Amino acid sequence: MFGADTSLVIDALQMVGLAVVATGGAVWFFLSRRNSTNQPVAEGKAGDLEDRVRVLERIATDRSIDLEDEIESLRTTDKTKEMN
């Protein structure tokens, strides 16, 4: 049943098993890391959306003469955020 090459086959199977375990562990690590870093970003985007809605509400209800200047300042602020 066992021949001269039995130890080589067992060594090869052990190496394959270690490679599978290492790959699975790496995939699990990177997926869990990606999921944990996405939550604060999503919360930050929700906060940005709320701020934008507040600004839009103020613009819609504000009848001041300086409205155009405020809109332009918001556009330049958004462009600087996109560059960063």
N, C-alpha and C. Protein backbone atom coordinates (compact mmCIF):
# COMPACT_ATOMS: atom_id res chain seq x y z
N MET A 1 0.82 -1.18 0.00
CA MET A 1 0.00 0.00 0.00
C MET A 1 0.87 1.25 0.00
N PHE A 2 1.89 1.29 0.82
CA PHE A 2 2.78 2.44 0.85
C PHE A 2 4.03 2.11 0.06
N GLY A 3 4.43 3.06 -0.77
CA GLY A 3 5.63 2.85 -1.58
C GLY A 3 6.72 3.83 -1.19
N ALA A 4 7.69 3.92 -2.05
CA ALA A 4 8.83 4.79 -1.78
C ALA A 4 8.45 6.27 -1.87
N ASP A 5 7.42 6.59 -2.64
CA ASP A 5 7.03 7.99 -2.83
C ASP A 5 5.93 8.45 -1.88
N THR A 6 5.58 7.65 -0.90
CA THR A 6 4.48 7.98 0.01
C THR A 6 4.78 9.26 0.79
N SER A 7 5.98 9.43 1.26
CA SER A 7 6.31 10.62 2.05
C SER A 7 6.25 11.88 1.18
N LEU A 8 6.60 11.76 -0.10
CA LEU A 8 6.51 12.91 -1.00
C LEU A 8 5.06 13.31 -1.25
N VAL A 9 4.18 12.33 -1.38
CA VAL A 9 2.76 12.61 -1.60
C VAL A 9 2.17 13.28 -0.36
N ILE A 10 2.51 12.77 0.80
CA ILE A 10 2.00 13.35 2.05
C ILE A 10 2.51 14.78 2.20
N ASP A 11 3.78 15.03 1.90
CA ASP A 11 4.33 16.37 1.97
C ASP A 11 3.61 17.31 0.99
N ALA A 12 3.34 16.81 -0.20
CA ALA A 12 2.65 17.63 -1.19
C ALA A 12 1.23 17.96 -0.72
N LEU A 13 0.55 17.00 -0.14
CA LEU A 13 -0.81 17.24 0.37
C LEU A 13 -0.79 18.24 1.53
N GLN A 14 0.22 18.15 2.37
CA GLN A 14 0.34 19.11 3.46
C GLN A 14 0.57 20.53 2.93
N MET A 15 1.39 20.65 1.92
CA MET A 15 1.66 21.97 1.33
C MET A 15 0.40 22.55 0.69
N VAL A 16 -0.37 21.72 0.00
CA VAL A 16 -1.62 22.17 -0.60
C VAL A 16 -2.59 22.59 0.49
N GLY A 17 -2.69 21.82 1.55
CA GLY A 17 -3.57 22.17 2.66
C GLY A 17 -3.19 23.50 3.30
N LEU A 18 -1.89 23.71 3.52
CA LEU A 18 -1.44 24.98 4.07
C LEU A 18 -1.74 26.15 3.13
N ALA A 19 -1.58 25.94 1.84
CA ALA A 19 -1.88 26.99 0.87
C ALA A 19 -3.36 27.35 0.89
N VAL A 20 -4.22 26.35 1.00
CA VAL A 20 -5.66 26.60 1.04
C VAL A 20 -6.03 27.35 2.31
N VAL A 21 -5.49 26.95 3.44
CA VAL A 21 -5.78 27.62 4.70
C VAL A 21 -5.26 29.07 4.68
N ALA A 22 -4.06 29.28 4.17
CA ALA A 22 -3.49 30.63 4.11
C ALA A 22 -4.31 31.53 3.19
N THR A 23 -4.72 31.01 2.05
CA THR A 23 -5.53 31.79 1.12
C THR A 23 -6.89 32.13 1.74
N GLY A 24 -7.52 31.17 2.36
CA GLY A 24 -8.81 31.41 3.00
C GLY A 24 -8.69 32.44 4.13
N GLY A 25 -7.63 32.35 4.91
CA GLY A 25 -7.41 33.31 5.99
C GLY A 25 -7.17 34.71 5.45
N ALA A 26 -6.42 34.83 4.37
CA ALA A 26 -6.16 36.14 3.78
C ALA A 26 -7.44 36.75 3.22
N VAL A 27 -8.24 35.94 2.55
CA VAL A 27 -9.52 36.44 2.00
C VAL A 27 -10.42 36.89 3.14
N TRP A 28 -10.53 36.11 4.19
CA TRP A 28 -11.36 36.47 5.33
C TRP A 28 -10.87 37.77 5.97
N PHE A 29 -9.56 37.91 6.14
CA PHE A 29 -8.99 39.10 6.76
C PHE A 29 -9.31 40.35 5.94
N PHE A 30 -9.08 40.30 4.63
CA PHE A 30 -9.31 41.47 3.80
C PHE A 30 -10.79 41.82 3.68
N LEU A 31 -11.65 40.81 3.64
CA LEU A 31 -13.10 41.09 3.59
C LEU A 31 -13.59 41.70 4.89
N SER A 32 -13.12 41.21 6.02
CA SER A 32 -13.55 41.77 7.29
C SER A 32 -12.99 43.17 7.47
N ARG A 33 -11.79 43.41 7.00
CA ARG A 33 -11.21 44.75 7.09
C ARG A 33 -11.97 45.73 6.20
N ARG A 34 -12.34 45.29 5.00
CA ARG A 34 -13.08 46.16 4.09
C ARG A 34 -14.44 46.51 4.67
N ASN A 35 -15.12 45.54 5.29
CA ASN A 35 -16.43 45.80 5.87
C ASN A 35 -16.34 46.74 7.06
N SER A 36 -15.30 46.63 7.86
CA SER A 36 -15.18 47.50 9.03
C SER A 36 -14.80 48.91 8.63
N THR A 37 -14.09 49.11 7.53
CA THR A 37 -13.72 50.46 7.12
C THR A 37 -14.82 51.13 6.32
N ASN A 38 -15.76 50.40 5.78
CA ASN A 38 -16.83 51.01 4.99
C ASN A 38 -17.89 51.66 5.86
N GLN A 39 -18.10 51.21 7.07
CA GLN A 39 -19.16 51.76 7.90
C GLN A 39 -18.95 53.24 8.22
N PRO A 40 -17.78 53.67 8.69
CA PRO A 40 -17.63 55.09 8.97
C PRO A 40 -17.76 55.95 7.72
N VAL A 41 -17.32 55.45 6.58
CA VAL A 41 -17.43 56.20 5.35
C VAL A 41 -18.89 56.38 4.99
N ALA A 42 -19.69 55.33 5.13
CA ALA A 42 -21.12 55.42 4.82
C ALA A 42 -21.80 56.41 5.76
N GLU A 43 -21.42 56.39 7.04
CA GLU A 43 -22.01 57.33 7.98
C GLU A 43 -21.59 58.75 7.63
N GLY A 44 -20.37 58.94 7.20
CA GLY A 44 -19.91 60.26 6.80
C GLY A 44 -20.65 60.77 5.59
N LYS A 45 -20.93 59.90 4.64
CA LYS A 45 -21.68 60.30 3.45
C LYS A 45 -23.10 60.69 3.82
N ALA A 46 -23.70 59.98 4.77
CA ALA A 46 -25.05 60.32 5.20
C ALA A 46 -25.05 61.70 5.84
N GLY A 47 -24.02 62.00 6.62
CA GLY A 47 -23.91 63.33 7.22
C GLY A 47 -23.74 64.40 6.17
N ASP A 48 -22.94 64.12 5.14
CA ASP A 48 -22.78 65.08 4.04
C ASP A 48 -24.09 65.32 3.32
N LEU A 49 -24.85 64.25 3.11
CA LEU A 49 -26.15 64.40 2.45
C LEU A 49 -27.10 65.26 3.27
N GLU A 50 -27.09 65.06 4.58
CA GLU A 50 -27.95 65.87 5.44
C GLU A 50 -27.55 67.34 5.36
N ASP A 51 -26.25 67.61 5.36
CA ASP A 51 -25.78 68.99 5.25
C ASP A 51 -26.21 69.61 3.93
N ARG A 52 -26.11 68.84 2.86
CA ARG A 52 -26.51 69.36 1.55
C ARG A 52 -28.00 69.66 1.50
N VAL A 53 -28.80 68.79 2.10
CA VAL A 53 -30.25 69.02 2.12
C VAL A 53 -30.57 70.29 2.90
N ARG A 54 -29.88 70.50 4.03
CA ARG A 54 -30.10 71.72 4.81
C ARG A 54 -29.76 72.96 3.98
N VAL A 55 -28.64 72.90 3.26
CA VAL A 55 -28.25 74.03 2.42
C VAL A 55 -29.28 74.27 1.33
N LEU A 56 -29.75 73.19 0.70
CA LEU A 56 -30.75 73.35 -0.35
C LEU A 56 -32.05 73.93 0.19
N GLU A 57 -32.44 73.50 1.38
CA GLU A 57 -33.65 74.05 2.00
C GLU A 57 -33.48 75.54 2.27
N ARG A 58 -32.31 75.92 2.75
CA ARG A 58 -32.07 77.32 3.03
C ARG A 58 -32.08 78.15 1.74
N ILE A 59 -31.48 77.59 0.67
CA ILE A 59 -31.47 78.29 -0.61
C ILE A 59 -32.88 78.44 -1.15
N ALA A 60 -33.69 77.40 -1.03
CA ALA A 60 -35.05 77.45 -1.56
C ALA A 60 -35.92 78.45 -0.82
N THR A 61 -35.67 78.64 0.47
CA THR A 61 -36.51 79.55 1.25
C THR A 61 -35.90 80.93 1.38
N ASP A 62 -34.62 81.10 1.07
CA ASP A 62 -33.94 82.39 1.23
C ASP A 62 -34.16 83.25 -0.01
N ARG A 63 -34.52 84.50 0.19
CA ARG A 63 -34.76 85.41 -0.92
C ARG A 63 -33.75 86.56 -0.94
N SER A 64 -32.56 86.35 -0.35
CA SER A 64 -31.60 87.44 -0.26
C SER A 64 -30.91 87.71 -1.59
N ILE A 65 -30.32 88.89 -1.70
CA ILE A 65 -29.60 89.27 -2.91
C ILE A 65 -28.28 88.52 -3.01
N ASP A 66 -27.71 88.12 -1.89
CA ASP A 66 -26.41 87.45 -1.88
C ASP A 66 -26.50 85.96 -2.18
N LEU A 67 -27.64 85.49 -2.62
CA LEU A 67 -27.85 84.07 -2.87
C LEU A 67 -26.87 83.54 -3.91
N GLU A 68 -26.63 84.29 -4.98
CA GLU A 68 -25.72 83.84 -6.03
C GLU A 68 -24.30 83.68 -5.49
N ASP A 69 -23.86 84.60 -4.63
CA ASP A 69 -22.52 84.49 -4.04
C ASP A 69 -22.41 83.26 -3.14
N GLU A 70 -23.46 82.96 -2.39
CA GLU A 70 -23.45 81.78 -1.53
C GLU A 70 -23.38 80.50 -2.36
N ILE A 71 -24.11 80.46 -3.46
CA ILE A 71 -24.10 79.28 -4.32
C ILE A 71 -22.71 79.08 -4.92
N GLU A 72 -22.08 80.15 -5.37
CA GLU A 72 -20.74 80.05 -5.95
C GLU A 72 -19.72 79.61 -4.90
N SER A 73 -19.86 80.09 -3.67
CA SER A 73 -18.92 79.66 -2.63
C SER A 73 -19.09 78.18 -2.32
N LEU A 74 -20.33 77.69 -2.39
CA LEU A 74 -20.57 76.26 -2.17
C LEU A 74 -19.97 75.43 -3.30
N ARG A 75 -20.06 75.92 -4.52
CA ARG A 75 -19.48 75.19 -5.65
C ARG A 75 -17.97 75.09 -5.51
N THR A 76 -17.32 76.18 -5.14
CA THR A 76 -15.86 76.14 -4.99
C THR A 76 -15.46 75.25 -3.83
N THR A 77 -16.26 75.22 -2.77
CA THR A 77 -15.96 74.34 -1.64
C THR A 77 -16.08 72.89 -2.04
N ASP A 78 -17.11 72.54 -2.83
CA ASP A 78 -17.29 71.16 -3.29
C ASP A 78 -16.15 70.74 -4.20
N LYS A 79 -15.66 71.64 -5.04
CA LYS A 79 -14.56 71.31 -5.96
C LYS A 79 -13.28 71.04 -5.17
N THR A 80 -13.03 71.78 -4.10
CA THR A 80 -11.83 71.54 -3.30
C THR A 80 -11.94 70.23 -2.55
N LYS A 81 -13.16 69.86 -2.13
CA LYS A 81 -13.35 68.57 -1.44
C LYS A 81 -13.09 67.42 -2.42
N GLU A 82 -13.54 67.56 -3.67
CA GLU A 82 -13.34 66.50 -4.65
C GLU A 82 -11.87 66.30 -4.97
N MET A 83 -11.11 67.37 -4.96
CA MET A 83 -9.68 67.28 -5.26
C MET A 83 -8.93 66.57 -4.15
N ASN A 84 -9.41 66.67 -2.92
CA ASN A 84 -8.72 66.02 -1.80
C ASN A 84 -9.19 64.63 -1.73
